[in-house]
N, C-alpha and C. Protein backbone atom coordinates (compact mmCIF):
# COMPACT_ATOMS: atom_id res chain seq x y z
N MET A 1 349.14 131.54 233.74
CA MET A 1 349.74 130.65 233.40
C MET A 1 349.24 129.53 234.64
N LEU A 2 348.68 128.26 234.55
CA LEU A 2 348.54 127.64 235.49
C LEU A 2 349.31 127.04 235.83
N HIS A 3 349.34 126.82 237.11
CA HIS A 3 350.70 125.66 237.66
C HIS A 3 349.77 123.79 238.05
N ALA A 4 350.85 123.03 237.91
CA ALA A 4 350.24 122.15 238.02
C ALA A 4 350.44 121.97 239.74
N ILE A 5 349.20 121.03 240.31
CA ILE A 5 349.56 120.58 241.27
C ILE A 5 349.46 119.27 241.60
N SER A 6 350.14 119.59 242.88
CA SER A 6 351.10 118.01 243.14
C SER A 6 350.12 117.17 243.40
N ARG A 7 349.96 115.80 243.41
CA ARG A 7 349.03 114.83 243.90
C ARG A 7 348.74 114.66 245.23
N ARG A 8 349.87 115.11 246.05
CA ARG A 8 350.18 115.65 247.48
C ARG A 8 349.02 116.54 247.84
N GLY A 9 349.72 117.67 246.90
CA GLY A 9 348.79 118.64 247.50
C GLY A 9 346.79 118.42 246.66
N LEU A 10 346.75 117.77 245.82
CA LEU A 10 344.98 117.59 245.67
C LEU A 10 344.37 117.30 246.13
N ALA A 11 345.45 115.79 247.18
CA ALA A 11 344.86 114.82 248.11
C ALA A 11 344.46 115.85 249.56
N GLY A 12 345.63 116.31 249.49
CA GLY A 12 345.07 117.55 250.58
C GLY A 12 343.80 118.26 250.53
N VAL A 13 343.47 118.66 249.31
CA VAL A 13 342.13 119.50 248.90
C VAL A 13 341.16 118.43 248.84
N VAL A 14 341.12 117.43 248.59
CA VAL A 14 340.36 116.51 248.40
C VAL A 14 339.55 116.04 249.63
N ILE A 15 341.03 116.27 250.73
CA ILE A 15 340.81 115.63 252.32
C ILE A 15 339.77 116.45 252.75
N ALA A 16 340.48 117.95 252.76
CA ALA A 16 339.67 118.84 253.54
C ALA A 16 338.55 119.08 252.65
N ALA A 17 337.88 118.51 251.68
CA ALA A 17 336.18 119.05 250.90
C ALA A 17 335.64 118.60 251.71
N VAL A 18 336.18 117.14 252.11
CA VAL A 18 335.25 115.79 252.59
C VAL A 18 334.73 116.19 253.97
N LEU A 19 335.93 116.62 254.88
CA LEU A 19 335.55 116.52 256.23
C LEU A 19 335.06 118.09 256.64
N ALA A 20 335.19 119.13 255.70
CA ALA A 20 334.38 120.33 255.51
C ALA A 20 332.79 120.52 255.35
N THR A 21 332.79 118.96 254.16
CA THR A 21 331.07 118.45 254.31
C THR A 21 330.27 117.81 255.13
N GLY A 22 331.30 117.43 256.11
CA GLY A 22 331.37 116.23 256.89
C GLY A 22 330.47 114.89 256.31
N ALA A 23 331.11 114.46 255.51
CA ALA A 23 331.28 113.11 255.00
C ALA A 23 331.97 112.68 255.59
N TYR A 24 332.36 111.90 255.96
CA TYR A 24 333.28 111.29 256.59
C TYR A 24 332.49 109.83 257.47
N ALA A 25 333.49 109.30 258.09
CA ALA A 25 333.59 107.45 257.79
C ALA A 25 331.99 106.56 258.51
N HIS A 26 331.60 108.19 260.11
CA HIS A 26 330.51 107.89 260.25
C HIS A 26 329.06 107.71 259.40
N HIS A 27 329.33 108.82 258.87
CA HIS A 27 328.03 108.92 257.96
C HIS A 27 327.98 107.67 257.21
N GLY A 28 327.01 106.99 256.30
CA GLY A 28 326.75 106.70 255.31
C GLY A 28 326.18 104.90 255.92
N TRP A 29 326.38 103.78 255.41
CA TRP A 29 325.72 102.22 255.95
C TRP A 29 327.14 101.54 255.89
N SER A 30 328.08 102.07 255.47
CA SER A 30 329.69 101.18 255.72
C SER A 30 329.49 100.25 257.15
N TRP A 31 328.90 100.98 258.37
CA TRP A 31 329.66 100.82 259.47
C TRP A 31 328.48 100.03 260.10
N ALA A 32 327.58 99.81 259.37
CA ALA A 32 326.38 98.64 259.61
C ALA A 32 325.82 97.77 259.75
N GLU A 33 325.19 96.59 260.44
CA GLU A 33 325.11 95.40 259.26
C GLU A 33 324.10 95.48 258.54
N ALA A 34 324.05 94.42 257.93
CA ALA A 34 322.81 94.57 256.69
C ALA A 34 321.15 93.58 257.24
N ASP A 35 321.28 93.20 258.00
CA ASP A 35 320.16 92.70 258.75
C ASP A 35 319.71 93.50 259.97
N GLN A 36 318.47 93.67 260.20
CA GLN A 36 318.04 95.04 260.71
C GLN A 36 317.54 94.18 262.37
N ILE A 37 317.46 95.14 263.46
CA ILE A 37 316.58 94.57 264.75
C ILE A 37 316.00 95.44 265.05
N GLU A 38 315.14 94.92 266.08
CA GLU A 38 313.99 96.01 266.78
C GLU A 38 314.69 96.29 268.12
N LEU A 39 314.52 97.60 268.32
CA LEU A 39 315.08 97.88 269.50
C LEU A 39 313.93 98.46 270.51
N LYS A 40 313.62 97.94 271.54
CA LYS A 40 312.52 99.14 272.58
C LYS A 40 313.06 99.30 274.03
N GLY A 41 312.40 100.47 274.18
CA GLY A 41 312.99 101.10 275.27
C GLY A 41 312.68 102.72 275.78
N THR A 42 313.58 102.85 276.39
CA THR A 42 312.78 104.60 276.72
C THR A 42 314.02 105.73 276.47
N ILE A 43 313.36 106.36 275.57
CA ILE A 43 314.24 107.45 275.44
C ILE A 43 314.72 108.28 276.59
N ARG A 44 316.28 108.54 276.97
CA ARG A 44 316.49 108.72 277.77
C ARG A 44 316.86 110.69 277.21
N GLU A 45 317.70 110.92 276.25
CA GLU A 45 317.88 111.59 275.71
C GLU A 45 318.07 112.25 274.11
N ILE A 46 317.50 113.33 273.96
CA ILE A 46 317.07 113.32 272.11
C ILE A 46 317.93 114.59 271.78
N SER A 47 318.71 114.51 270.67
CA SER A 47 319.49 115.71 269.89
C SER A 47 318.79 116.09 268.63
N MET A 48 318.28 116.99 267.96
CA MET A 48 318.37 117.22 266.92
C MET A 48 318.93 118.18 266.08
N ALA A 49 320.16 118.13 266.74
CA ALA A 49 321.08 118.82 265.78
C ALA A 49 321.55 118.19 264.96
N PRO A 50 322.42 118.80 263.53
CA PRO A 50 322.87 118.04 262.42
C PRO A 50 324.43 118.08 263.39
N PRO A 51 324.86 116.60 262.42
CA PRO A 51 324.42 116.55 260.85
C PRO A 51 323.58 115.48 261.02
N HIS A 52 322.74 115.06 261.97
CA HIS A 52 321.85 114.22 262.56
C HIS A 52 321.17 113.79 263.67
N PRO A 53 320.04 113.91 263.58
CA PRO A 53 319.35 114.03 265.15
C PRO A 53 319.64 112.30 265.33
N THR A 54 319.60 112.35 267.07
CA THR A 54 319.92 111.25 267.90
C THR A 54 318.97 111.38 268.28
N LEU A 55 319.14 109.75 269.25
CA LEU A 55 318.11 109.13 270.25
C LEU A 55 319.23 108.66 271.01
N GLN A 56 319.31 108.81 272.47
CA GLN A 56 319.98 107.58 273.68
C GLN A 56 318.89 107.05 274.23
N VAL A 57 318.64 105.91 273.70
CA VAL A 57 317.50 104.35 274.47
C VAL A 57 317.75 103.75 275.33
N GLU A 58 317.51 103.32 276.56
CA GLU A 58 317.35 102.78 277.39
C GLU A 58 316.79 101.55 277.02
N SER A 59 317.19 99.98 276.74
CA SER A 59 316.74 98.84 277.02
C SER A 59 316.07 98.43 278.07
N THR A 60 315.51 97.40 278.47
CA THR A 60 315.55 97.22 279.80
C THR A 60 316.23 95.96 279.42
N THR A 61 316.42 95.45 278.36
CA THR A 61 317.47 94.41 277.79
C THR A 61 318.86 93.83 277.90
N ASP A 62 319.84 95.48 277.65
CA ASP A 62 320.74 95.17 277.32
C ASP A 62 321.65 97.17 277.58
N GLY A 63 320.69 97.86 278.16
CA GLY A 63 321.14 98.70 278.73
C GLY A 63 321.12 100.07 277.68
N ALA A 64 321.85 101.03 277.48
CA ALA A 64 321.96 102.35 276.94
C ALA A 64 322.73 101.84 275.25
N TRP A 65 321.35 102.82 274.48
CA TRP A 65 322.02 102.61 272.74
C TRP A 65 322.24 104.25 272.18
N HIS A 66 323.00 104.02 271.37
CA HIS A 66 322.67 105.33 270.34
C HIS A 66 322.30 105.30 269.56
N VAL A 67 321.10 106.15 269.05
CA VAL A 67 320.37 105.79 268.12
C VAL A 67 320.35 106.60 266.97
N GLU A 68 320.77 106.78 265.34
CA GLU A 68 321.06 107.63 264.74
C GLU A 68 319.86 107.38 264.11
N LEU A 69 319.04 109.22 263.09
CA LEU A 69 318.20 109.19 262.77
C LEU A 69 318.38 109.44 261.12
N GLY A 70 319.48 109.78 260.76
CA GLY A 70 319.26 110.22 259.22
C GLY A 70 319.39 111.40 259.23
N ASN A 71 319.71 112.63 258.28
CA ASN A 71 320.29 114.00 257.89
C ASN A 71 318.83 114.51 258.94
N PRO A 72 318.81 115.88 259.55
CA PRO A 72 317.46 116.45 259.54
C PRO A 72 316.06 116.91 258.90
N ARG A 73 316.87 116.54 257.40
CA ARG A 73 316.16 116.85 256.37
C ARG A 73 315.27 115.20 256.32
N GLN A 74 315.56 113.91 256.31
CA GLN A 74 315.00 113.15 256.49
C GLN A 74 314.17 113.08 257.61
N ALA A 75 314.40 113.15 258.75
CA ALA A 75 313.88 112.97 260.33
C ALA A 75 312.98 113.89 259.66
N GLU A 76 312.77 115.02 258.80
CA GLU A 76 311.47 116.33 258.86
C GLU A 76 310.94 115.78 257.91
N ARG A 77 311.09 114.96 256.73
CA ARG A 77 310.25 114.07 256.17
C ARG A 77 309.35 113.54 256.27
N SER A 78 310.06 112.86 257.49
CA SER A 78 309.52 111.45 258.13
C SER A 78 308.47 112.30 258.68
N GLY A 79 308.41 113.05 259.24
CA GLY A 79 307.23 114.08 260.39
C GLY A 79 308.45 113.88 261.70
N PHE A 80 309.01 113.54 261.72
CA PHE A 80 309.60 113.49 263.06
C PHE A 80 310.84 114.75 263.34
N ILE A 81 309.94 115.52 263.85
CA ILE A 81 310.03 116.82 264.22
C ILE A 81 310.42 117.34 266.07
N GLU A 82 311.18 118.17 265.98
CA GLU A 82 311.16 118.80 267.55
C GLU A 82 309.94 118.49 268.35
N GLY A 83 309.74 118.15 269.19
CA GLY A 83 308.41 117.56 270.11
C GLY A 83 307.77 116.81 269.64
N SER A 84 308.46 115.91 268.48
CA SER A 84 307.39 114.52 268.15
C SER A 84 307.41 113.71 269.46
N ALA A 85 308.97 113.65 270.31
CA ALA A 85 309.16 112.57 271.08
C ALA A 85 310.12 113.48 271.93
N LYS A 86 309.51 112.73 273.32
CA LYS A 86 310.29 113.72 274.69
C LYS A 86 311.44 112.96 275.66
N THR A 87 311.99 113.23 276.44
CA THR A 87 312.67 112.26 277.35
C THR A 87 311.20 111.57 278.09
N GLY A 88 311.69 110.15 278.26
CA GLY A 88 310.78 109.53 278.86
C GLY A 88 310.27 108.31 278.24
N ASP A 89 309.68 108.60 276.59
CA ASP A 89 308.73 107.81 276.20
C ASP A 89 309.25 107.37 275.72
N GLU A 90 308.12 105.99 275.61
CA GLU A 90 308.52 104.58 274.97
C GLU A 90 308.85 104.57 273.45
N VAL A 91 310.04 104.00 272.92
CA VAL A 91 310.23 103.81 271.78
C VAL A 91 310.14 102.30 271.07
N VAL A 92 310.47 102.34 269.81
CA VAL A 92 310.61 101.10 268.85
C VAL A 92 311.36 101.61 268.23
N VAL A 93 312.24 101.20 267.28
CA VAL A 93 313.44 101.13 266.59
C VAL A 93 313.72 100.43 265.60
N LEU A 94 313.14 100.47 264.37
CA LEU A 94 313.76 99.24 263.32
C LEU A 94 315.52 99.73 262.93
N GLY A 95 316.35 98.90 262.63
CA GLY A 95 317.26 99.67 262.26
C GLY A 95 318.43 98.68 262.33
N ASN A 96 319.54 98.80 261.94
CA ASN A 96 321.11 98.28 261.38
C ASN A 96 321.43 98.63 262.27
N ARG A 97 322.60 97.57 263.08
CA ARG A 97 323.45 97.72 264.63
C ARG A 97 324.93 98.20 263.88
N SER A 98 325.48 98.41 264.41
CA SER A 98 326.96 98.38 264.58
C SER A 98 327.56 97.32 264.50
N LEU A 99 328.47 97.15 262.80
CA LEU A 99 329.32 95.87 262.71
C LEU A 99 329.65 95.94 264.05
N ASP A 100 330.54 96.32 264.79
CA ASP A 100 331.43 95.72 265.95
C ASP A 100 330.24 95.44 267.41
N PRO A 101 330.32 94.43 267.36
CA PRO A 101 329.22 93.74 268.51
C PRO A 101 329.79 94.67 269.98
N SER A 102 330.56 94.79 270.13
CA SER A 102 330.54 96.16 271.22
C SER A 102 330.09 97.35 271.51
N GLU A 103 329.67 97.52 270.59
CA GLU A 103 329.34 98.71 270.02
C GLU A 103 327.58 98.96 270.71
N LYS A 104 326.76 99.98 270.99
CA LYS A 104 325.61 99.69 271.28
C LYS A 104 324.85 100.98 270.31
N ARG A 105 324.91 100.88 269.49
CA ARG A 105 324.56 101.89 268.05
C ARG A 105 324.07 101.28 266.90
N MET A 106 323.06 102.03 266.72
CA MET A 106 322.28 101.63 265.22
C MET A 106 321.63 102.60 264.55
N LYS A 107 322.02 103.04 263.24
CA LYS A 107 320.59 104.09 262.38
C LYS A 107 319.84 102.90 261.88
N ALA A 108 318.32 103.61 262.93
CA ALA A 108 316.93 103.26 262.70
C ALA A 108 316.59 103.35 261.01
N VAL A 109 316.19 103.06 260.83
CA VAL A 109 314.94 103.20 259.20
C VAL A 109 313.75 103.84 259.44
N ARG A 110 312.69 103.30 260.79
CA ARG A 110 311.95 103.84 261.17
C ARG A 110 311.65 103.56 262.69
N ILE A 111 311.12 104.27 263.57
CA ILE A 111 311.16 104.77 265.18
C ILE A 111 309.66 104.88 264.85
N THR A 112 308.83 104.12 266.10
CA THR A 112 307.50 104.65 266.75
C THR A 112 307.29 104.85 268.20
N VAL A 113 306.57 105.78 268.35
CA VAL A 113 306.33 106.87 269.72
C VAL A 113 305.26 107.36 269.94
N ALA A 114 304.91 106.29 271.08
CA ALA A 114 303.15 106.69 271.26
C ALA A 114 302.34 106.51 270.31
N GLY A 115 302.60 105.41 269.47
CA GLY A 115 301.91 104.68 268.94
C GLY A 115 302.04 105.29 267.19
N LYS A 116 302.80 106.43 266.70
CA LYS A 116 302.91 107.08 265.37
C LYS A 116 304.68 106.83 265.33
N THR A 117 304.03 106.34 263.39
CA THR A 117 305.57 105.46 263.28
C THR A 117 305.89 106.31 262.26
N TYR A 118 307.60 106.91 262.30
CA TYR A 118 307.85 107.96 261.48
C TYR A 118 309.20 107.27 260.42
N ASP A 119 308.81 106.72 259.60
CA ASP A 119 309.54 106.51 258.39
C ASP A 119 310.63 106.99 257.73
N ILE A 120 312.04 106.91 258.42
CA ILE A 120 313.40 107.56 258.02
C ILE A 120 313.72 107.42 256.74
N TYR A 121 313.75 106.02 256.63
CA TYR A 121 314.47 105.54 255.81
C TYR A 121 313.30 104.30 254.98
N PRO A 122 311.99 105.03 254.38
CA PRO A 122 311.21 104.04 253.47
C PRO A 122 312.03 102.83 252.74
N GLU A 123 312.37 103.29 252.10
CA GLU A 123 313.20 102.76 250.94
C GLU A 123 313.94 101.37 251.63
N ARG A 124 314.50 101.64 252.75
CA ARG A 124 315.33 100.69 253.31
C ARG A 124 314.66 99.65 254.28
N ILE A 125 313.53 100.03 254.75
CA ILE A 125 313.19 98.77 255.86
C ILE A 125 312.31 97.48 254.53
N ARG A 126 313.05 96.51 255.73
CA ARG A 126 312.89 95.06 255.09
C ARG A 126 311.18 95.02 255.40
N ALA A 127 311.03 93.94 254.60
CA ALA A 127 309.44 93.35 254.39
C ALA A 127 309.47 92.59 255.98
N GLY A 128 308.26 93.03 255.84
CA GLY A 128 307.78 92.63 257.87
C GLY A 128 308.49 93.81 258.76
N GLY A 129 309.36 94.83 258.56
CA GLY A 129 309.44 95.63 259.29
C GLY A 129 308.62 96.49 259.60
């Protein structure tokens, strides 16, 4: 015999499932501006770990930025793999910055390192980008 699940119980199951998959607030694009900016700087740190690779980029004009590159498969499809860049490399990042102007964080759609371009989200690159 099947037992009816309460709304509260169902909500708990759904929340647990969402958290278990890592699909929570910082993923997606809702936290980022629609307009794209270009950030130039030096890579200070690289992480290729899930849920998505990240760069810490030091800009000469406005300090350290946290740059998200999408999930590991997207980065790999773009050609950006372990060893594609190293600490100290100059980088140009095209992407969408955080809606919070006090937060130096962006989601990259394209990065260029040592003259090589990696289109992380080619479908999101704006004309002229």
